[in-house]
Amino acid sequence: MQEPTFLVLTALTGEPLHGYGILQQVTALSGGTVVLGAGTLYGALDRLTEQGLIAVEREEAVDGRLRRYYRLTDEGAGRLSTEVERLRRNANAAAAGLRRRVALPGTPDLQAGLA
């Protein structure tokens, strides 16, 4: 799963959000390192809706424009949970490798960052 998809699904773990709210959440969740453009976001929302990972919760007209609110589906929550576990395993393997590396003579002391 690509990072933007992961972040969009994560943004929807709380309450349903409209597109701009999702953009703001993705930026906040990533600490500003992932900033989606509107075209990228709406393409992703269409794809995730087609895949059944998110659904339109409701639509409302605001200033003459249609605002769609999206929610995470049970299938989407399951896929996100699977991805969280995969990332956790990978991060744990990387941390273990770094701890072994730090234990070798002549390597810098990185132990504090691996707790």
N, C-alpha and C. Protein backbone atom coordinates (compact mmCIF):
# COMPACT_ATOMS: atom_id res chain seq x y z
N MET A 1 0.85 -1.18 0.00
CA MET A 1 0.00 0.00 0.00
C MET A 1 0.89 1.24 0.00
N GLN A 2 0.60 2.15 -0.88
CA GLN A 2 1.38 3.38 -0.97
C GLN A 2 1.06 4.29 0.23
N GLU A 3 2.04 5.10 0.61
CA GLU A 3 1.88 5.97 1.77
C GLU A 3 0.67 6.90 1.67
N PRO A 4 0.40 7.55 0.53
CA PRO A 4 -0.78 8.41 0.47
C PRO A 4 -2.09 7.65 0.74
N THR A 5 -2.20 6.44 0.20
CA THR A 5 -3.39 5.62 0.44
C THR A 5 -3.50 5.29 1.92
N PHE A 6 -2.40 4.89 2.52
CA PHE A 6 -2.36 4.59 3.95
C PHE A 6 -2.83 5.79 4.76
N LEU A 7 -2.35 6.97 4.40
CA LEU A 7 -2.71 8.18 5.14
C LEU A 7 -4.16 8.58 4.92
N VAL A 8 -4.68 8.41 3.71
CA VAL A 8 -6.10 8.71 3.46
C VAL A 8 -6.98 7.79 4.30
N LEU A 9 -6.68 6.50 4.30
CA LEU A 9 -7.46 5.57 5.12
C LEU A 9 -7.34 5.91 6.60
N THR A 10 -6.14 6.25 7.04
CA THR A 10 -5.92 6.62 8.43
C THR A 10 -6.71 7.87 8.79
N ALA A 11 -6.75 8.83 7.88
CA ALA A 11 -7.50 10.07 8.12
C ALA A 11 -8.98 9.79 8.37
N LEU A 12 -9.48 8.70 7.78
CA LEU A 12 -10.90 8.38 7.90
C LEU A 12 -11.21 7.41 9.03
N THR A 13 -10.25 7.13 9.90
CA THR A 13 -10.52 6.21 11.01
C THR A 13 -11.41 6.84 12.08
N GLY A 14 -11.46 8.15 12.11
CA GLY A 14 -12.32 8.83 13.09
C GLY A 14 -13.69 9.07 12.51
N GLU A 15 -13.95 10.29 12.19
CA GLU A 15 -15.26 10.67 11.66
C GLU A 15 -15.20 10.80 10.14
N PRO A 16 -16.37 10.76 9.48
CA PRO A 16 -16.38 11.02 8.03
C PRO A 16 -15.86 12.43 7.74
N LEU A 17 -15.13 12.55 6.65
CA LEU A 17 -14.54 13.83 6.25
C LEU A 17 -14.81 14.11 4.79
N HIS A 18 -14.88 15.39 4.44
CA HIS A 18 -14.96 15.79 3.03
C HIS A 18 -13.54 15.94 2.52
N GLY A 19 -13.42 16.15 1.21
CA GLY A 19 -12.10 16.17 0.57
C GLY A 19 -11.09 17.09 1.22
N TYR A 20 -11.49 18.33 1.48
CA TYR A 20 -10.54 19.28 2.07
C TYR A 20 -10.12 18.83 3.47
N GLY A 21 -11.06 18.28 4.23
CA GLY A 21 -10.74 17.76 5.56
C GLY A 21 -9.74 16.61 5.48
N ILE A 22 -9.89 15.76 4.46
CA ILE A 22 -8.95 14.65 4.27
C ILE A 22 -7.56 15.21 3.93
N LEU A 23 -7.52 16.20 3.04
CA LEU A 23 -6.23 16.82 2.69
C LEU A 23 -5.53 17.34 3.94
N GLN A 24 -6.27 18.04 4.79
CA GLN A 24 -5.69 18.59 6.01
C GLN A 24 -5.20 17.49 6.94
N GLN A 25 -5.98 16.43 7.09
CA GLN A 25 -5.59 15.32 7.97
C GLN A 25 -4.34 14.61 7.46
N VAL A 26 -4.28 14.38 6.17
CA VAL A 26 -3.11 13.70 5.59
C VAL A 26 -1.86 14.52 5.84
N THR A 27 -1.96 15.82 5.64
CA THR A 27 -0.81 16.70 5.88
C THR A 27 -0.41 16.64 7.34
N ALA A 28 -1.38 16.70 8.25
CA ALA A 28 -1.08 16.67 9.69
C ALA A 28 -0.51 15.32 10.11
N LEU A 29 -1.11 14.23 9.64
CA LEU A 29 -0.63 12.89 10.01
C LEU A 29 0.81 12.65 9.56
N SER A 30 1.16 13.22 8.41
CA SER A 30 2.50 12.99 7.87
C SER A 30 3.51 14.03 8.35
N GLY A 31 3.09 14.92 9.24
CA GLY A 31 3.99 15.97 9.70
C GLY A 31 4.37 16.91 8.58
N GLY A 32 3.50 17.03 7.59
CA GLY A 32 3.75 17.94 6.48
C GLY A 32 4.58 17.35 5.35
N THR A 33 4.98 16.09 5.46
CA THR A 33 5.82 15.51 4.41
C THR A 33 5.01 15.00 3.22
N VAL A 34 3.71 14.76 3.42
CA VAL A 34 2.84 14.35 2.33
C VAL A 34 1.76 15.41 2.18
N VAL A 35 1.78 16.08 1.05
CA VAL A 35 0.77 17.10 0.74
C VAL A 35 0.15 16.69 -0.59
N LEU A 36 -1.10 16.24 -0.53
CA LEU A 36 -1.77 15.77 -1.73
C LEU A 36 -2.41 16.93 -2.49
N GLY A 37 -2.33 16.88 -3.79
CA GLY A 37 -3.07 17.82 -4.61
C GLY A 37 -4.51 17.35 -4.74
N ALA A 38 -5.40 18.26 -5.08
CA ALA A 38 -6.82 17.92 -5.18
C ALA A 38 -7.05 16.83 -6.23
N GLY A 39 -6.39 16.92 -7.37
CA GLY A 39 -6.57 15.91 -8.41
C GLY A 39 -6.12 14.53 -7.95
N THR A 40 -5.00 14.49 -7.27
CA THR A 40 -4.50 13.22 -6.74
C THR A 40 -5.46 12.65 -5.71
N LEU A 41 -5.95 13.51 -4.82
CA LEU A 41 -6.86 13.06 -3.77
C LEU A 41 -8.14 12.50 -4.37
N TYR A 42 -8.78 13.25 -5.26
CA TYR A 42 -10.07 12.80 -5.77
C TYR A 42 -9.94 11.56 -6.64
N GLY A 43 -8.82 11.41 -7.33
CA GLY A 43 -8.57 10.15 -8.04
C GLY A 43 -8.45 8.99 -7.06
N ALA A 44 -7.75 9.22 -5.96
CA ALA A 44 -7.58 8.18 -4.93
C ALA A 44 -8.92 7.86 -4.28
N LEU A 45 -9.73 8.88 -4.01
CA LEU A 45 -11.04 8.64 -3.39
C LEU A 45 -11.93 7.81 -4.31
N ASP A 46 -11.91 8.10 -5.61
CA ASP A 46 -12.68 7.30 -6.56
C ASP A 46 -12.20 5.85 -6.56
N ARG A 47 -10.89 5.66 -6.59
CA ARG A 47 -10.32 4.31 -6.60
C ARG A 47 -10.65 3.55 -5.32
N LEU A 48 -10.50 4.21 -4.18
CA LEU A 48 -10.78 3.56 -2.90
C LEU A 48 -12.26 3.24 -2.74
N THR A 49 -13.12 4.09 -3.30
CA THR A 49 -14.55 3.82 -3.28
C THR A 49 -14.88 2.61 -4.14
N GLU A 50 -14.29 2.55 -5.34
CA GLU A 50 -14.49 1.40 -6.23
C GLU A 50 -14.02 0.10 -5.58
N GLN A 51 -12.94 0.18 -4.80
CA GLN A 51 -12.40 -1.01 -4.13
C GLN A 51 -13.18 -1.38 -2.87
N GLY A 52 -14.11 -0.54 -2.47
CA GLY A 52 -14.92 -0.83 -1.28
C GLY A 52 -14.23 -0.51 0.03
N LEU A 53 -13.10 0.23 -0.03
CA LEU A 53 -12.36 0.55 1.19
C LEU A 53 -12.92 1.78 1.90
N ILE A 54 -13.56 2.66 1.13
CA ILE A 54 -14.26 3.82 1.69
C ILE A 54 -15.61 3.92 0.99
N ALA A 55 -16.51 4.70 1.59
CA ALA A 55 -17.83 4.90 1.00
C ALA A 55 -18.26 6.34 1.24
N VAL A 56 -19.15 6.81 0.39
CA VAL A 56 -19.71 8.14 0.59
C VAL A 56 -20.73 8.03 1.73
N GLU A 57 -20.50 8.79 2.78
CA GLU A 57 -21.37 8.81 3.95
C GLU A 57 -22.60 9.67 3.69
N ARG A 58 -22.34 10.85 3.12
CA ARG A 58 -23.43 11.77 2.81
C ARG A 58 -22.92 12.84 1.86
N GLU A 59 -23.85 13.56 1.28
CA GLU A 59 -23.52 14.68 0.42
C GLU A 59 -24.34 15.88 0.87
N GLU A 60 -23.76 17.05 0.79
CA GLU A 60 -24.49 18.27 1.11
C GLU A 60 -24.03 19.38 0.18
N ALA A 61 -24.94 20.29 -0.10
CA ALA A 61 -24.62 21.43 -0.95
C ALA A 61 -24.12 22.57 -0.06
N VAL A 62 -22.96 23.10 -0.41
CA VAL A 62 -22.37 24.22 0.31
C VAL A 62 -21.98 25.27 -0.73
N ASP A 63 -22.59 26.44 -0.63
CA ASP A 63 -22.32 27.52 -1.59
C ASP A 63 -22.50 27.05 -3.03
N GLY A 64 -23.53 26.27 -3.26
CA GLY A 64 -23.82 25.81 -4.61
C GLY A 64 -22.94 24.68 -5.11
N ARG A 65 -22.07 24.16 -4.27
CA ARG A 65 -21.19 23.06 -4.66
C ARG A 65 -21.50 21.85 -3.80
N LEU A 66 -21.38 20.67 -4.40
CA LEU A 66 -21.64 19.44 -3.69
C LEU A 66 -20.42 19.04 -2.87
N ARG A 67 -20.64 18.79 -1.61
CA ARG A 67 -19.56 18.35 -0.72
C ARG A 67 -19.87 16.92 -0.30
N ARG A 68 -18.95 16.01 -0.62
CA ARG A 68 -19.12 14.60 -0.24
C ARG A 68 -18.30 14.31 1.00
N TYR A 69 -18.90 13.59 1.91
CA TYR A 69 -18.21 13.12 3.11
C TYR A 69 -17.97 11.63 2.95
N TYR A 70 -16.73 11.22 3.18
CA TYR A 70 -16.33 9.83 3.03
C TYR A 70 -16.10 9.20 4.39
N ARG A 71 -16.37 7.90 4.46
CA ARG A 71 -16.11 7.15 5.69
C ARG A 71 -15.34 5.87 5.33
N LEU A 72 -14.62 5.38 6.30
CA LEU A 72 -13.89 4.12 6.16
C LEU A 72 -14.88 2.97 6.30
N THR A 73 -14.85 2.01 5.39
CA THR A 73 -15.71 0.84 5.49
C THR A 73 -15.04 -0.21 6.38
N ASP A 74 -15.80 -1.24 6.73
CA ASP A 74 -15.20 -2.34 7.50
C ASP A 74 -14.08 -3.00 6.71
N GLU A 75 -14.28 -3.15 5.40
CA GLU A 75 -13.22 -3.73 4.56
C GLU A 75 -11.99 -2.83 4.56
N GLY A 76 -12.20 -1.52 4.50
CA GLY A 76 -11.09 -0.58 4.54
C GLY A 76 -10.35 -0.64 5.86
N ALA A 77 -11.11 -0.77 6.96
CA ALA A 77 -10.48 -0.87 8.28
C ALA A 77 -9.66 -2.15 8.38
N GLY A 78 -10.16 -3.23 7.79
CA GLY A 78 -9.41 -4.49 7.79
C GLY A 78 -8.12 -4.38 7.00
N ARG A 79 -8.18 -3.75 5.82
CA ARG A 79 -6.98 -3.57 5.00
C ARG A 79 -5.98 -2.67 5.70
N LEU A 80 -6.47 -1.61 6.35
CA LEU A 80 -5.59 -0.70 7.08
C LEU A 80 -4.93 -1.43 8.24
N SER A 81 -5.68 -2.23 8.95
CA SER A 81 -5.14 -3.00 10.08
C SER A 81 -4.05 -3.96 9.60
N THR A 82 -4.28 -4.63 8.49
CA THR A 82 -3.28 -5.54 7.91
C THR A 82 -2.01 -4.78 7.55
N GLU A 83 -2.18 -3.57 6.98
CA GLU A 83 -1.02 -2.76 6.61
C GLU A 83 -0.26 -2.27 7.84
N VAL A 84 -0.98 -1.90 8.88
CA VAL A 84 -0.33 -1.48 10.13
C VAL A 84 0.55 -2.61 10.67
N GLU A 85 0.02 -3.83 10.66
CA GLU A 85 0.80 -4.97 11.15
C GLU A 85 2.02 -5.24 10.27
N ARG A 86 1.86 -5.11 8.96
CA ARG A 86 3.00 -5.30 8.04
C ARG A 86 4.08 -4.26 8.30
N LEU A 87 3.67 -3.02 8.44
CA LEU A 87 4.64 -1.95 8.71
C LEU A 87 5.31 -2.14 10.07
N ARG A 88 4.54 -2.59 11.05
CA ARG A 88 5.10 -2.84 12.38
C ARG A 88 6.17 -3.93 12.32
N ARG A 89 5.87 -5.02 11.60
CA ARG A 89 6.86 -6.11 11.45
C ARG A 89 8.13 -5.60 10.77
N ASN A 90 7.95 -4.82 9.70
CA ASN A 90 9.11 -4.28 8.99
C ASN A 90 9.92 -3.34 9.86
N ALA A 91 9.24 -2.48 10.61
CA ALA A 91 9.94 -1.54 11.49
C ALA A 91 10.69 -2.31 12.59
N ASN A 92 10.05 -3.34 13.14
CA ASN A 92 10.71 -4.14 14.18
C ASN A 92 11.95 -4.85 13.63
N ALA A 93 11.85 -5.37 12.41
CA ALA A 93 13.00 -6.04 11.79
C ALA A 93 14.14 -5.04 11.57
N ALA A 94 13.80 -3.84 11.11
CA ALA A 94 14.83 -2.81 10.89
C ALA A 94 15.46 -2.41 12.21
N ALA A 95 14.65 -2.21 13.25
CA ALA A 95 15.19 -1.81 14.55
C ALA A 95 16.10 -2.90 15.12
N ALA A 96 15.68 -4.17 14.95
CA ALA A 96 16.52 -5.27 15.45
C ALA A 96 17.85 -5.31 14.70
N GLY A 97 17.81 -5.11 13.40
CA GLY A 97 19.05 -5.08 12.62
C GLY A 97 19.96 -3.95 13.06
N LEU A 98 19.39 -2.80 13.32
CA LEU A 98 20.19 -1.66 13.78
C LEU A 98 20.77 -1.91 15.17
N ARG A 99 20.00 -2.56 16.03
CA ARG A 99 20.54 -2.89 17.37
C ARG A 99 21.73 -3.83 17.25
N ARG A 100 21.61 -4.82 16.36
CA ARG A 100 22.75 -5.75 16.15
C ARG A 100 23.95 -4.99 15.60
N ARG A 101 23.70 -4.07 14.69
CA ARG A 101 24.78 -3.28 14.09
C ARG A 101 25.47 -2.44 15.15
N VAL A 102 24.68 -1.82 16.02
CA VAL A 102 25.23 -0.97 17.07
C VAL A 102 26.11 -1.79 18.01
N ALA A 103 25.80 -3.06 18.17
CA ALA A 103 26.57 -3.91 19.08
C ALA A 103 27.94 -4.27 18.51
N LEU A 104 28.17 -4.03 17.24
CA LEU A 104 29.46 -4.35 16.64
C LEU A 104 30.51 -3.33 17.05
N PRO A 105 31.73 -3.76 17.23
CA PRO A 105 32.79 -2.82 17.59
C PRO A 105 33.00 -1.78 16.49
N GLY A 106 33.23 -0.57 16.90
CA GLY A 106 33.54 0.50 15.96
C GLY A 106 32.33 1.16 15.31
N THR A 107 31.11 0.81 15.75
CA THR A 107 29.93 1.45 15.18
C THR A 107 29.44 2.52 16.16
N PRO A 108 28.83 3.58 15.65
CA PRO A 108 28.35 4.66 16.53
C PRO A 108 27.24 4.17 17.45
N ASP A 109 27.09 4.83 18.57
CA ASP A 109 26.08 4.46 19.56
C ASP A 109 24.73 5.07 19.15
N LEU A 110 23.89 4.27 18.50
CA LEU A 110 22.56 4.72 18.08
C LEU A 110 21.48 4.13 18.97
N GLN A 111 21.85 3.48 20.03
CA GLN A 111 20.91 2.73 20.87
C GLN A 111 19.76 3.60 21.37
N ALA A 112 20.00 4.85 21.69
CA ALA A 112 18.96 5.71 22.25
C ALA A 112 17.78 5.85 21.29
N GLY A 113 18.02 5.88 20.01
CA GLY A 113 16.95 6.04 19.03
C GLY A 113 16.23 4.76 18.69
N LEU A 114 16.66 3.63 19.24
CA LEU A 114 16.06 2.33 18.88
C LEU A 114 15.22 1.73 19.99
N ALA A 115 14.93 2.48 21.01
CA ALA A 115 14.16 1.95 22.14
C ALA A 115 12.75 1.61 21.74
